[in-house]
Amino acid sequence: MKSSQADQFEDRLIDFAARIIFLANDLPASRSAQHIAQQMLRSGTAPAPNYGEARGAESRADFVHKLNIALKEMNETKIWLKMAIRARLTAEAAASAALDECQQLARLLNASVQTARRNAR
C-alpha cells in the first residue's frame, strides 16, 4: 500500500524527532549542555505530534493553528541546534545535518500554512 504525502511528511517529522533525541543524548553532562538538550528535546520532538493533530483538525482554522505550532517549534529547534553547534557541544557534522533537515521541514510547514490560508479565502 502506497502511503500518502501526508504520511510521508509525518514519518519525516518522526525521523527528525528521533535524530534530535540522539543528538540531545550525546550532549555533554555539563549544566549548560543539559539545559540545551532539554530545550531541544521539547521543541524538536513537538512538531511530529502537532502535525498529527493538524491532520485530524476540526476546521481549516484549527488545521492552520496546529501547523503554526509545529512551525514555531521547528523554528525554536533551529535556534537550539545553532547554539549547540556554536558552543561546540556536539559533533558539527551531525548537528549541521539535523539543522539542514530542520530548515527544510520548516520551509515545508510554512508552505503548508500559506497554502491552507490561501485555500481558506
N, C-alpha and C. Protein backbone atom coordinates (compact mmCIF):
# COMPACT_ATOMS: atom_id res chain seq x y z
N MET A 1 0.84 -1.18 0.00
CA MET A 1 0.00 0.00 0.00
C MET A 1 0.89 1.25 0.00
N LYS A 2 0.61 2.16 -0.90
CA LYS A 2 1.38 3.39 -1.03
C LYS A 2 0.91 4.39 0.02
N SER A 3 1.87 5.00 0.71
CA SER A 3 1.50 5.98 1.72
C SER A 3 1.31 7.35 1.07
N SER A 4 0.47 8.16 1.66
CA SER A 4 0.19 9.49 1.14
C SER A 4 1.35 10.44 1.44
N GLN A 5 1.32 11.58 0.79
CA GLN A 5 2.34 12.60 1.07
C GLN A 5 2.29 13.03 2.53
N ALA A 6 1.08 13.11 3.07
CA ALA A 6 0.93 13.49 4.48
C ALA A 6 1.57 12.44 5.39
N ASP A 7 1.38 11.16 5.07
CA ASP A 7 2.01 10.09 5.85
C ASP A 7 3.52 10.17 5.75
N GLN A 8 4.02 10.41 4.54
CA GLN A 8 5.46 10.52 4.33
C GLN A 8 6.05 11.70 5.09
N PHE A 9 5.34 12.83 5.09
CA PHE A 9 5.81 14.00 5.81
C PHE A 9 5.80 13.75 7.30
N GLU A 10 4.75 13.11 7.79
CA GLU A 10 4.68 12.77 9.22
C GLU A 10 5.84 11.86 9.60
N ASP A 11 6.15 10.88 8.77
CA ASP A 11 7.28 9.99 9.03
C ASP A 11 8.60 10.77 9.06
N ARG A 12 8.71 11.74 8.17
CA ARG A 12 9.93 12.57 8.14
C ARG A 12 10.05 13.39 9.42
N LEU A 13 8.93 13.89 9.93
CA LEU A 13 8.94 14.62 11.20
C LEU A 13 9.32 13.70 12.36
N ILE A 14 8.83 12.47 12.32
CA ILE A 14 9.17 11.50 13.38
C ILE A 14 10.65 11.15 13.30
N ASP A 15 11.17 10.96 12.09
CA ASP A 15 12.61 10.69 11.93
C ASP A 15 13.44 11.86 12.46
N PHE A 16 12.97 13.08 12.20
CA PHE A 16 13.67 14.26 12.71
C PHE A 16 13.67 14.25 14.24
N ALA A 17 12.53 13.94 14.84
CA ALA A 17 12.44 13.88 16.30
C ALA A 17 13.42 12.85 16.86
N ALA A 18 13.51 11.70 16.21
CA ALA A 18 14.46 10.67 16.65
C ALA A 18 15.90 11.18 16.55
N ARG A 19 16.19 11.91 15.48
CA ARG A 19 17.53 12.49 15.31
C ARG A 19 17.83 13.47 16.44
N ILE A 20 16.84 14.27 16.83
CA ILE A 20 17.02 15.22 17.92
C ILE A 20 17.25 14.48 19.24
N ILE A 21 16.53 13.40 19.45
CA ILE A 21 16.71 12.59 20.67
C ILE A 21 18.15 12.08 20.75
N PHE A 22 18.66 11.55 19.64
CA PHE A 22 20.04 11.05 19.62
C PHE A 22 21.03 12.17 19.88
N LEU A 23 20.83 13.32 19.24
CA LEU A 23 21.73 14.46 19.45
C LEU A 23 21.70 14.92 20.90
N ALA A 24 20.51 15.06 21.46
CA ALA A 24 20.38 15.52 22.85
C ALA A 24 21.05 14.53 23.81
N ASN A 25 20.89 13.25 23.55
CA ASN A 25 21.51 12.24 24.42
C ASN A 25 23.02 12.25 24.34
N ASP A 26 23.56 12.74 23.23
CA ASP A 26 25.01 12.78 23.05
C ASP A 26 25.66 14.06 23.57
N LEU A 27 24.85 15.03 24.01
CA LEU A 27 25.45 16.25 24.54
C LEU A 27 26.15 15.96 25.87
N PRO A 28 27.17 16.74 26.20
CA PRO A 28 27.89 16.52 27.46
C PRO A 28 26.98 16.64 28.68
N ALA A 29 27.49 16.19 29.81
CA ALA A 29 26.72 16.20 31.05
C ALA A 29 26.78 17.55 31.78
N SER A 30 27.42 18.54 31.20
CA SER A 30 27.52 19.84 31.86
C SER A 30 26.14 20.47 32.00
N ARG A 31 26.03 21.39 32.94
CA ARG A 31 24.75 22.05 33.21
C ARG A 31 24.23 22.78 31.98
N SER A 32 25.09 23.52 31.31
CA SER A 32 24.66 24.28 30.13
C SER A 32 24.25 23.37 28.98
N ALA A 33 25.00 22.32 28.76
CA ALA A 33 24.67 21.39 27.68
C ALA A 33 23.36 20.67 27.96
N GLN A 34 23.12 20.33 29.20
CA GLN A 34 21.87 19.64 29.55
C GLN A 34 20.67 20.57 29.44
N HIS A 35 20.88 21.85 29.72
CA HIS A 35 19.80 22.83 29.52
C HIS A 35 19.42 22.87 28.03
N ILE A 36 20.42 22.97 27.18
CA ILE A 36 20.17 23.00 25.73
C ILE A 36 19.53 21.68 25.29
N ALA A 37 20.02 20.57 25.81
CA ALA A 37 19.47 19.26 25.46
C ALA A 37 17.99 19.18 25.80
N GLN A 38 17.61 19.62 27.00
CA GLN A 38 16.21 19.57 27.41
C GLN A 38 15.32 20.45 26.53
N GLN A 39 15.79 21.65 26.24
CA GLN A 39 15.03 22.56 25.41
C GLN A 39 14.89 22.01 23.98
N MET A 40 15.99 21.47 23.47
CA MET A 40 15.99 20.90 22.12
C MET A 40 15.07 19.69 22.05
N LEU A 41 15.05 18.89 23.11
CA LEU A 41 14.15 17.74 23.16
C LEU A 41 12.69 18.18 23.13
N ARG A 42 12.37 19.21 23.90
CA ARG A 42 10.98 19.68 23.94
C ARG A 42 10.52 20.21 22.58
N SER A 43 11.34 21.09 22.02
CA SER A 43 10.92 21.71 20.75
C SER A 43 11.10 20.77 19.56
N GLY A 44 12.13 19.95 19.57
CA GLY A 44 12.43 19.09 18.42
C GLY A 44 11.54 17.88 18.28
N THR A 45 10.92 17.48 19.39
CA THR A 45 10.01 16.34 19.31
C THR A 45 8.55 16.78 19.20
N ALA A 46 8.27 18.06 19.31
CA ALA A 46 6.90 18.56 19.27
C ALA A 46 6.28 18.65 17.87
N PRO A 47 7.04 18.97 16.81
CA PRO A 47 6.38 19.13 15.50
C PRO A 47 5.64 17.89 15.00
N ALA A 48 6.17 16.71 15.20
CA ALA A 48 5.50 15.50 14.70
C ALA A 48 4.12 15.31 15.31
N PRO A 49 3.97 15.34 16.63
CA PRO A 49 2.62 15.18 17.18
C PRO A 49 1.70 16.36 16.84
N ASN A 50 2.25 17.56 16.74
CA ASN A 50 1.42 18.70 16.35
C ASN A 50 0.93 18.55 14.92
N TYR A 51 1.77 18.02 14.05
CA TYR A 51 1.35 17.76 12.68
C TYR A 51 0.27 16.69 12.66
N GLY A 52 0.44 15.66 13.48
CA GLY A 52 -0.58 14.62 13.59
C GLY A 52 -1.91 15.19 14.05
N GLU A 53 -1.85 16.11 15.00
CA GLU A 53 -3.07 16.78 15.46
C GLU A 53 -3.68 17.62 14.34
N ALA A 54 -2.84 18.29 13.57
CA ALA A 54 -3.34 19.11 12.46
C ALA A 54 -4.08 18.24 11.44
N ARG A 55 -3.56 17.06 11.21
CA ARG A 55 -4.20 16.16 10.24
C ARG A 55 -5.61 15.77 10.67
N GLY A 56 -5.87 15.82 11.96
CA GLY A 56 -7.20 15.49 12.47
C GLY A 56 -7.97 16.74 12.90
N ALA A 57 -7.59 17.88 12.37
CA ALA A 57 -8.19 19.15 12.79
C ALA A 57 -9.69 19.17 12.54
N GLU A 58 -10.38 19.93 13.36
CA GLU A 58 -11.83 20.05 13.27
C GLU A 58 -12.28 21.11 12.28
N SER A 59 -11.37 21.99 11.88
CA SER A 59 -11.71 23.04 10.93
C SER A 59 -10.44 23.51 10.24
N ARG A 60 -10.61 24.30 9.20
CA ARG A 60 -9.44 24.86 8.49
C ARG A 60 -8.63 25.73 9.45
N ALA A 61 -9.32 26.53 10.26
CA ALA A 61 -8.63 27.40 11.22
C ALA A 61 -7.84 26.57 12.24
N ASP A 62 -8.42 25.48 12.71
CA ASP A 62 -7.74 24.58 13.65
C ASP A 62 -6.52 23.96 12.98
N PHE A 63 -6.67 23.57 11.72
CA PHE A 63 -5.57 23.00 10.94
C PHE A 63 -4.41 23.99 10.85
N VAL A 64 -4.71 25.21 10.47
CA VAL A 64 -3.67 26.25 10.33
C VAL A 64 -3.02 26.52 11.68
N HIS A 65 -3.83 26.60 12.73
CA HIS A 65 -3.30 26.86 14.07
C HIS A 65 -2.30 25.78 14.49
N LYS A 66 -2.67 24.53 14.30
CA LYS A 66 -1.79 23.44 14.72
C LYS A 66 -0.54 23.35 13.85
N LEU A 67 -0.66 23.63 12.57
CA LEU A 67 0.53 23.69 11.71
C LEU A 67 1.45 24.81 12.16
N ASN A 68 0.87 25.94 12.55
CA ASN A 68 1.68 27.07 13.03
C ASN A 68 2.44 26.71 14.30
N ILE A 69 1.82 25.94 15.18
CA ILE A 69 2.51 25.49 16.39
C ILE A 69 3.70 24.61 16.00
N ALA A 70 3.48 23.68 15.08
CA ALA A 70 4.57 22.82 14.62
C ALA A 70 5.70 23.66 14.02
N LEU A 71 5.35 24.66 13.24
CA LEU A 71 6.35 25.54 12.62
C LEU A 71 7.12 26.32 13.68
N LYS A 72 6.44 26.85 14.67
CA LYS A 72 7.12 27.58 15.75
C LYS A 72 8.10 26.69 16.50
N GLU A 73 7.68 25.47 16.78
CA GLU A 73 8.56 24.52 17.46
C GLU A 73 9.79 24.20 16.61
N MET A 74 9.58 24.06 15.30
CA MET A 74 10.69 23.78 14.40
C MET A 74 11.67 24.96 14.38
N ASN A 75 11.13 26.17 14.36
CA ASN A 75 11.99 27.36 14.37
C ASN A 75 12.77 27.46 15.68
N GLU A 76 12.14 27.10 16.79
CA GLU A 76 12.84 27.10 18.07
C GLU A 76 13.96 26.06 18.06
N THR A 77 13.68 24.90 17.52
CA THR A 77 14.69 23.84 17.46
C THR A 77 15.90 24.30 16.66
N LYS A 78 15.66 25.04 15.58
CA LYS A 78 16.76 25.57 14.76
C LYS A 78 17.71 26.40 15.62
N ILE A 79 17.15 27.24 16.48
CA ILE A 79 17.98 28.09 17.35
C ILE A 79 18.79 27.24 18.33
N TRP A 80 18.17 26.25 18.95
CA TRP A 80 18.88 25.38 19.90
C TRP A 80 20.00 24.61 19.20
N LEU A 81 19.74 24.15 17.99
CA LEU A 81 20.79 23.45 17.24
C LEU A 81 21.96 24.38 16.95
N LYS A 82 21.66 25.60 16.54
CA LYS A 82 22.72 26.57 16.27
C LYS A 82 23.53 26.86 17.54
N MET A 83 22.84 26.95 18.68
CA MET A 83 23.56 27.18 19.94
C MET A 83 24.49 26.02 20.26
N ALA A 84 23.99 24.81 20.09
CA ALA A 84 24.81 23.62 20.37
C ALA A 84 26.04 23.59 19.47
N ILE A 85 25.86 23.97 18.22
CA ILE A 85 26.99 23.99 17.28
C ILE A 85 27.99 25.07 17.66
N ARG A 86 27.50 26.27 17.88
CA ARG A 86 28.40 27.40 18.19
C ARG A 86 29.11 27.24 19.52
N ALA A 87 28.46 26.57 20.46
CA ALA A 87 29.09 26.33 21.77
C ALA A 87 29.99 25.09 21.72
N ARG A 88 30.06 24.47 20.56
CA ARG A 88 30.89 23.27 20.34
C ARG A 88 30.53 22.16 21.33
N LEU A 89 29.22 21.96 21.50
CA LEU A 89 28.74 20.92 22.41
C LEU A 89 28.45 19.61 21.70
N THR A 90 28.47 19.62 20.39
CA THR A 90 28.10 18.43 19.62
C THR A 90 29.00 18.33 18.39
N ALA A 91 29.04 17.14 17.82
CA ALA A 91 29.79 16.96 16.57
C ALA A 91 29.12 17.82 15.50
N GLU A 92 29.87 18.70 14.89
CA GLU A 92 29.29 19.66 13.96
C GLU A 92 28.61 18.98 12.77
N ALA A 93 29.16 17.89 12.28
CA ALA A 93 28.58 17.22 11.11
C ALA A 93 27.17 16.72 11.41
N ALA A 94 27.00 16.06 12.53
CA ALA A 94 25.68 15.53 12.89
C ALA A 94 24.68 16.65 13.15
N ALA A 95 25.10 17.66 13.88
CA ALA A 95 24.20 18.77 14.19
C ALA A 95 23.90 19.59 12.94
N SER A 96 24.87 19.75 12.06
CA SER A 96 24.63 20.51 10.83
C SER A 96 23.64 19.79 9.93
N ALA A 97 23.72 18.47 9.87
CA ALA A 97 22.76 17.69 9.09
C ALA A 97 21.36 17.84 9.68
N ALA A 98 21.26 17.81 11.00
CA ALA A 98 19.96 18.00 11.66
C ALA A 98 19.45 19.41 11.42
N LEU A 99 20.34 20.39 11.44
CA LEU A 99 19.95 21.77 11.19
C LEU A 99 19.42 21.94 9.77
N ASP A 100 20.08 21.30 8.82
CA ASP A 100 19.62 21.36 7.43
C ASP A 100 18.22 20.75 7.30
N GLU A 101 18.02 19.59 7.90
CA GLU A 101 16.71 18.94 7.85
C GLU A 101 15.66 19.81 8.55
N CYS A 102 16.03 20.41 9.66
CA CYS A 102 15.13 21.30 10.39
C CYS A 102 14.67 22.44 9.49
N GLN A 103 15.60 23.05 8.78
CA GLN A 103 15.26 24.17 7.91
C GLN A 103 14.37 23.71 6.74
N GLN A 104 14.64 22.54 6.19
CA GLN A 104 13.80 22.02 5.12
C GLN A 104 12.38 21.75 5.61
N LEU A 105 12.27 21.13 6.77
CA LEU A 105 10.95 20.83 7.33
C LEU A 105 10.20 22.11 7.66
N ALA A 106 10.90 23.11 8.17
CA ALA A 106 10.26 24.40 8.47
C ALA A 106 9.73 25.05 7.20
N ARG A 107 10.49 24.97 6.12
CA ARG A 107 10.02 25.54 4.85
C ARG A 107 8.76 24.81 4.37
N LEU A 108 8.74 23.50 4.50
CA LEU A 108 7.57 22.72 4.09
C LEU A 108 6.35 23.05 4.95
N LEU A 109 6.56 23.17 6.25
CA LEU A 109 5.46 23.54 7.14
C LEU A 109 4.94 24.93 6.81
N ASN A 110 5.86 25.86 6.57
CA ASN A 110 5.45 27.21 6.22
C ASN A 110 4.65 27.23 4.92
N ALA A 111 5.09 26.47 3.94
CA ALA A 111 4.36 26.39 2.67
C ALA A 111 2.96 25.81 2.90
N SER A 112 2.85 24.82 3.77
CA SER A 112 1.54 24.23 4.08
C SER A 112 0.63 25.24 4.74
N VAL A 113 1.18 26.03 5.66
CA VAL A 113 0.39 27.06 6.32
C VAL A 113 -0.11 28.07 5.30
N GLN A 114 0.80 28.52 4.42
CA GLN A 114 0.41 29.52 3.42
C GLN A 114 -0.65 28.97 2.47
N THR A 115 -0.50 27.72 2.06
CA THR A 115 -1.48 27.11 1.16
C THR A 115 -2.83 26.98 1.86
N ALA A 116 -2.83 26.54 3.10
CA ALA A 116 -4.09 26.38 3.84
C ALA A 116 -4.77 27.73 4.02
N ARG A 117 -4.01 28.76 4.31
CA ARG A 117 -4.60 30.11 4.45
C ARG A 117 -5.18 30.59 3.12
N ARG A 118 -4.44 30.36 2.05
CA ARG A 118 -4.91 30.77 0.72
C ARG A 118 -6.19 30.03 0.35
N ASN A 119 -6.27 28.75 0.64
CA ASN A 119 -7.44 27.94 0.32
C ASN A 119 -8.64 28.30 1.20
N ALA A 120 -8.38 28.90 2.34
CA ALA A 120 -9.47 29.28 3.24
C ALA A 120 -10.20 30.52 2.76
N ARG A 121 -9.56 31.29 1.90
CA ARG A 121 -10.18 32.54 1.40
C ARG A 121 -11.17 32.28 0.33
